[in-house]
C-alpha atoms as a PDB file:
ATOM      1  CA  MET A   1      -7.596  34.021  -4.884  1.00  0.00           C
ATOM      2  CA  GLY A   2      -8.866  34.233  -8.439  1.00  0.00           C
ATOM      3  CA  PRO A   3     -11.073  31.773 -10.256  1.00  0.00           C
ATOM      4  CA  VAL A   4      -8.116  30.507 -12.315  1.00  0.00           C
ATOM      5  CA  TYR A   5      -6.240  29.492  -9.183  1.00  0.00           C
ATOM      6  CA  ILE A   6      -9.317  27.837  -7.725  1.00  0.00           C
ATOM      7  CA  ALA A   7      -9.936  25.871 -10.920  1.00  0.00           C
ATOM      8  CA  ALA A   8      -6.290  24.802 -11.089  1.00  0.00           C
ATOM      9  CA  ALA A   9      -6.352  23.756  -7.429  1.00  0.00           C
ATOM     10  CA  VAL A  10      -9.478  21.651  -8.021  1.00  0.00           C
ATOM     11  CA  ILE A  11      -7.865  20.021 -11.056  1.00  0.00           C
ATOM     12  CA  GLY A  12      -4.723  19.338  -9.008  1.00  0.00           C
ATOM     13  CA  ALA A  13      -6.761  17.821  -6.184  1.00  0.00           C
ATOM     14  CA  ALA A  14      -8.625  15.613  -8.648  1.00  0.00           C
ATOM     15  CA  ALA A  15      -5.356  14.490 -10.245  1.00  0.00           C
ATOM     16  CA  ALA A  16      -3.909  13.702  -6.821  1.00  0.00           C
ATOM     17  CA  ALA A  17      -6.983  11.680  -5.838  1.00  0.00           C
ATOM     18  CA  VAL A  18      -7.016   9.719  -9.096  1.00  0.00           C
ATOM     19  CA  GLY A  19      -3.267   9.126  -8.873  1.00  0.00           C
ATOM     20  CA  GLY A  20      -3.550   7.869  -5.302  1.00  0.00           C
ATOM     21  CA  LEU A  21      -6.408   5.502  -6.086  1.00  0.00           C
ATOM     22  CA  PHE A  22      -4.674   4.214  -9.227  1.00  0.00           C
ATOM     23  CA  THR A  23      -1.456   3.603  -7.287  1.00  0.00           C
ATOM     24  CA  ALA A  24      -3.303   1.692  -4.558  1.00  0.00           C
ATOM     25  CA  TYR A  25      -5.125  -0.433  -7.148  1.00  0.00           C
ATOM     26  CA  GLN A  26      -1.935  -1.288  -9.020  1.00  0.00           C
ATOM     27  CA  LEU A  27      -0.220  -2.139  -5.732  1.00  0.00           C
ATOM     28  CA  CYS A  28      -3.087  -4.523  -4.920  1.00  0.00           C
ATOM     29  CA  LEU A  29      -2.710  -6.218  -8.305  1.00  0.00           C
ATOM     30  CA  LEU A  30       1.046  -6.480  -7.852  1.00  0.00           C
ATOM     31  CA  VAL A  31       0.739  -8.081  -4.416  1.00  0.00           C
ATOM     32  CA  GLN A  32      -1.914 -10.519  -5.671  1.00  0.00           C
ATOM     33  CA  ALA A  33       0.314 -11.587  -8.558  1.00  0.00           C
ATOM     34  CA  ASP A  34       3.304 -11.986  -6.243  1.00  0.00           C
ATOM     35  CA  ALA A  35       1.289 -14.019  -3.733  1.00  0.00           C
ATOM     36  CA  LYS A  36       0.048 -16.258  -6.545  1.00  0.00           C
ATOM     37  CA  ARG A  37       3.621 -16.780  -7.811  1.00  0.00           C
ATOM     38  CA  ARG A  38       4.766 -17.735  -4.321  1.00  0.00           C
ATOM     39  CA  GLY A  39       1.886 -20.132  -3.739  1.00  0.00           C
ATOM     40  CA  LEU A  40       0.472 -18.298  -0.721  1.00  0.00           C
ATOM     41  CA  LYS A  41      -3.020 -19.182   0.433  1.00  0.00           C
ATOM     42  CA  ARG A  42      -5.810 -16.845  -0.699  1.00  0.00           C
ATOM     43  CA  PRO A  43      -3.820 -14.384  -2.836  1.00  0.00           C
ATOM     44  CA  ARG A  44      -6.954 -12.310  -3.561  1.00  0.00           C
ATOM     45  CA  ILE A  45      -7.322 -11.534   0.149  1.00  0.00           C
ATOM     46  CA  ARG A  46      -3.677 -10.517   0.448  1.00  0.00           C
ATOM     47  CA  GLY A  47      -3.989  -8.008  -2.404  1.00  0.00           C
ATOM     48  CA  PRO A  48      -5.784  -5.121  -0.649  1.00  0.00           C
ATOM     49  CA  PHE A  49      -3.948  -5.693   2.636  1.00  0.00           C
ATOM     50  CA  PRO A  50      -0.798  -3.657   1.833  1.00  0.00           C
ATOM     51  CA  ALA A  51      -2.818  -0.645   0.702  1.00  0.00           C
ATOM     52  CA  SER A  52      -4.797  -0.531   3.937  1.00  0.00           C
ATOM     53  CA  GLY A  53      -3.778   1.948   6.581  1.00  0.00           C
ATOM     54  CA  GLY A  54      -2.008   5.202   6.006  1.00  0.00           C
ATOM     55  CA  SER A  55       1.177   4.301   7.843  1.00  0.00           C
ATOM     56  CA  GLY A  56       2.388   1.673   5.386  1.00  0.00           C
ATOM     57  CA  SER A  57       2.287  -1.091   7.975  1.00  0.00           C
ATOM     58  CA  GLY A  58       0.388  -3.400   5.603  1.00  0.00           C
ATOM     59  CA  ILE A  59       3.076  -3.364   2.925  1.00  0.00           C
ATOM     60  CA  LEU A  60       5.828  -3.789   5.522  1.00  0.00           C
ATOM     61  CA  PHE A  61       4.028  -6.802   6.990  1.00  0.00           C
ATOM     62  CA  TYR A  62       3.614  -8.352   3.546  1.00  0.00           C
ATOM     63  CA  LEU A  63       7.274  -7.779   2.702  1.00  0.00           C
ATOM     64  CA  VAL A  64       8.328  -9.545   5.901  1.00  0.00           C
ATOM     65  CA  VAL A  65       5.945 -12.486   5.416  1.00  0.00           C
ATOM     66  CA  HIS A  66       6.550 -13.079   1.711  1.00  0.00           C
ATOM     67  CA  LYS A  67      10.300 -13.627   2.175  1.00  0.00           C
ATOM     68  CA  LYS A  68       9.539 -16.955   3.867  1.00  0.00           C
ATOM     69  CA  TYR A  69       7.999 -18.336   0.672  1.00  0.00           C
ATOM     70  CA  PRO A  70      10.148 -18.920  -2.424  1.00  0.00           C
ATOM     71  CA  ILE A  71       8.828 -18.175  -5.900  1.00  0.00           C
ATOM     72  CA  LEU A  72       7.230 -21.338  -7.274  1.00  0.00           C
ATOM     73  CA  SER A  73       6.336 -20.326 -10.828  1.00  0.00           C
ATOM     74  CA  ARG A  74       8.075 -17.887 -13.139  1.00  0.00           C
ATOM     75  CA  SER A  75       6.069 -17.746 -16.321  1.00  0.00           C
ATOM     76  CA  ALA A  76       6.783 -15.048 -18.868  1.00  0.00           C
ATOM     77  CA  GLU A  77       3.167 -13.884 -18.741  1.00  0.00           C
ATOM     78  CA  GLN A  78       3.281 -13.334 -14.974  1.00  0.00           C
ATOM     79  CA  THR A  79       6.582 -11.504 -15.256  1.00  0.00           C
ATOM     80  CA  ARG A  80       5.201  -9.173 -17.953  1.00  0.00           C
ATOM     81  CA  PHE A  81       2.080  -8.542 -15.874  1.00  0.00           C
ATOM     82  CA  MET A  82       4.131  -7.661 -12.803  1.00  0.00           C
ATOM     83  CA  GLU A  83       6.403  -5.356 -14.809  1.00  0.00           C
ATOM     84  CA  ARG A  84       3.343  -3.601 -16.249  1.00  0.00           C
ATOM     85  CA  CYS A  85       1.928  -3.171 -12.727  1.00  0.00           C
ATOM     86  CA  LYS A  86       5.230  -1.675 -11.563  1.00  0.00           C
ATOM     87  CA  ARG A  87       5.226   0.830 -14.442  1.00  0.00           C
ATOM     88  CA  ASN A  88       1.593   1.714 -13.777  1.00  0.00           C
ATOM     89  CA  THR A  89       2.349   2.217 -10.082  1.00  0.00           C
ATOM     90  CA  GLY A  90       5.074   4.686 -11.037  1.00  0.00           C
ATOM     91  CA  THR A  91       2.662   6.483 -13.341  1.00  0.00           C
ATOM     92  CA  GLY A  92       0.112   6.753 -10.542  1.00  0.00           C
ATOM     93  CA  LEU A  93       2.741   8.126  -8.166  1.00  0.00           C
ATOM     94  CA  ALA A  94       3.795  10.707 -10.754  1.00  0.00           C
ATOM     95  CA  CYS A  95       0.165  11.793 -11.204  1.00  0.00           C
ATOM     96  CA  LEU A  96      -0.245  12.005  -7.431  1.00  0.00           C
ATOM     97  CA  ALA A  97       2.886  14.120  -7.061  1.00  0.00           C
ATOM     98  CA  ALA A  98       1.946  16.424  -9.955  1.00  0.00           C
ATOM     99  CA  GLY A  99      -1.523  16.970  -8.479  1.00  0.00           C
ATOM    100  CA  ILE A 100      -0.146  17.793  -5.043  1.00  0.00           C
ATOM    101  CA  ILE A 101       2.430  20.186  -6.490  1.00  0.00           C
ATOM    102  CA  LEU A 102      -0.273  21.948  -8.532  1.00  0.00           C
ATOM    103  CA  CYS A 103      -2.488  22.302  -5.458  1.00  0.00           C
ATOM    104  CA  VAL A 104       0.317  23.709  -3.330  1.00  0.00           C
ATOM    105  CA  LEU A 105       1.367  26.167  -6.037  1.00  0.00           C
ATOM    106  CA  CYS A 106      -2.214  27.360  -6.501  1.00  0.00           C
ATOM    107  CA  VAL A 107      -2.579  27.978  -2.796  1.00  0.00           C
ATOM    108  CA  PHE A 108       0.700  29.853  -2.304  1.00  0.00           C
ATOM    109  CA  LEU A 109       1.192  31.720  -5.598  1.00  0.00           C
ATOM    110  CA  PRO A 110      -1.704  34.201  -5.177  1.00  0.00           C
ATOM    111  CA  GLY A 111      -0.312  35.282  -1.813  1.00  0.00           C
ATOM    112  CA  LEU A 112       3.085  36.143  -3.287  1.00  0.00           C
ATOM    113  CA  SER A 113       1.795  38.788  -5.688  1.00  0.00           C
END
Protein backbone atom coordinates (compact mmCIF):
# COMPACT_ATOMS: atom_id res chain seq x y z
CA MET A 1 0.00 0.00 0.00
CA GLY A 2 1.53 3.27 -1.12
CA PRO A 3 1.86 6.47 0.85
CA VAL A 4 -0.94 8.10 -1.17
CA TYR A 5 -3.40 5.41 -0.12
CA ILE A 6 -2.30 5.64 3.50
CA ALA A 7 -2.70 9.42 3.52
CA ALA A 8 -6.13 9.17 1.90
CA ALA A 9 -7.20 6.50 4.40
CA VAL A 10 -6.10 8.71 7.31
CA ILE A 11 -7.99 11.66 5.85
CA GLY A 12 -11.06 9.46 5.39
CA ALA A 13 -10.83 8.20 8.97
CA ALA A 14 -10.53 11.75 10.25
CA ALA A 15 -13.53 12.85 8.19
CA ALA A 16 -15.55 9.91 9.50
CA ALA A 17 -14.63 10.71 13.10
CA VAL A 18 -15.46 14.40 12.74
CA GLY A 19 -18.71 13.58 10.95
CA GLY A 20 -19.74 11.13 13.67
CA LEU A 21 -18.98 13.56 16.49
CA PHE A 22 -20.74 16.42 14.69
CA THR A 23 -23.81 14.26 14.09
CA ALA A 24 -23.96 13.21 17.75
CA TYR A 25 -23.62 16.83 18.89
CA GLN A 26 -26.36 18.06 16.57
CA LEU A 27 -28.61 15.20 17.69
CA CYS A 28 -28.06 16.26 21.32
CA LEU A 29 -29.01 19.85 20.47
CA LEU A 30 -32.09 18.67 18.59
CA VAL A 31 -33.30 16.51 21.47
CA GLN A 32 -32.69 19.32 23.98
CA ALA A 33 -34.71 21.75 21.87
CA ASP A 34 -37.52 19.22 21.45
CA ALA A 35 -37.59 18.46 25.18
CA LYS A 36 -37.74 22.18 25.94
CA ARG A 37 -40.63 22.65 23.48
CA ARG A 38 -42.54 19.80 25.11
CA GLY A 39 -41.95 21.06 28.63
CA LEU A 40 -40.08 17.98 29.84
CA LYS A 41 -38.13 18.22 33.07
CA ARG A 42 -34.38 18.82 32.74
CA PRO A 43 -34.06 19.07 28.94
CA ARG A 44 -30.26 19.52 29.19
CA ILE A 45 -29.94 16.06 30.76
CA ARG A 46 -32.10 14.47 28.07
CA GLY A 47 -29.91 15.88 25.28
CA PRO A 48 -26.91 13.50 25.43
CA PHE A 49 -29.07 10.49 26.30
CA PRO A 50 -30.07 9.51 22.73
CA ALA A 51 -26.47 9.62 21.51
CA SER A 52 -25.29 7.26 24.24
CA GLY A 53 -24.80 3.62 23.38
CA GLY A 54 -23.99 2.23 19.99
CA SER A 55 -27.21 0.29 19.54
CA GLY A 56 -29.51 3.30 19.23
CA SER A 57 -31.52 2.33 22.30
CA GLY A 58 -31.26 5.87 23.71
CA ILE A 59 -32.95 7.51 20.74
CA LEU A 60 -35.63 4.81 20.63
CA PHE A 61 -36.37 5.33 24.32
CA TYR A 62 -36.63 9.09 23.84
CA LEU A 63 -38.93 8.68 20.85
CA VAL A 64 -41.25 6.47 22.89
CA VAL A 65 -41.27 8.78 25.93
CA HIS A 66 -41.65 12.09 24.10
CA LYS A 67 -44.91 11.03 22.41
CA LYS A 68 -46.66 11.25 25.78
CA TYR A 69 -45.99 14.99 26.00
CA PRO A 70 -47.61 17.41 23.53
CA ILE A 71 -45.71 20.38 22.15
CA LEU A 72 -46.35 23.37 24.41
CA SER A 73 -44.59 26.18 22.56
CA ARG A 74 -44.07 26.66 18.84
CA SER A 75 -42.07 29.82 18.40
CA ALA A 76 -40.58 30.63 15.02
CA GLU A 77 -37.10 30.86 16.54
CA GLN A 78 -37.30 27.34 17.99
CA THR A 79 -38.60 25.97 14.71
CA ARG A 80 -35.73 27.58 12.76
CA PHE A 81 -33.21 26.25 15.28
CA MET A 82 -34.58 22.72 15.01
CA GLU A 83 -34.59 22.87 11.21
CA ARG A 84 -30.97 24.06 11.25
CA CYS A 85 -30.05 21.17 13.58
CA LYS A 86 -31.74 18.71 11.22
CA ARG A 87 -29.79 20.06 8.24
CA ASN A 88 -26.54 19.96 10.21
CA THR A 89 -27.25 16.37 11.27
CA GLY A 90 -27.62 15.43 7.61
CA THR A 91 -24.36 17.19 6.80
CA GLY A 92 -22.59 15.27 9.56
CA LEU A 93 -24.00 11.98 8.29
CA ALA A 94 -22.84 12.79 4.76
CA CYS A 95 -19.33 13.56 6.06
CA LEU A 96 -19.34 10.32 8.04
CA ALA A 97 -20.41 8.30 5.01
CA ALA A 98 -17.87 9.98 2.71
CA GLY A 99 -15.07 9.30 5.19
CA ILE A 100 -16.01 5.64 5.55
CA ILE A 101 -16.26 5.19 1.78
CA LEU A 102 -12.83 6.81 1.30
CA CYS A 103 -11.30 4.53 3.94
CA VAL A 104 -12.79 1.40 2.42
CA LEU A 105 -11.69 2.37 -1.09
CA CYS A 106 -8.15 3.09 0.10
CA VAL A 107 -7.93 -0.29 1.77
CA PHE A 108 -9.28 -2.34 -1.14
CA LEU A 109 -8.06 -0.46 -4.23
CA PRO A 110 -4.32 -1.24 -3.82
CA GLY A 111 -5.10 -4.96 -3.68
CA LEU A 112 -6.95 -4.89 -7.00
CA SER A 113 -3.98 -3.70 -9.05
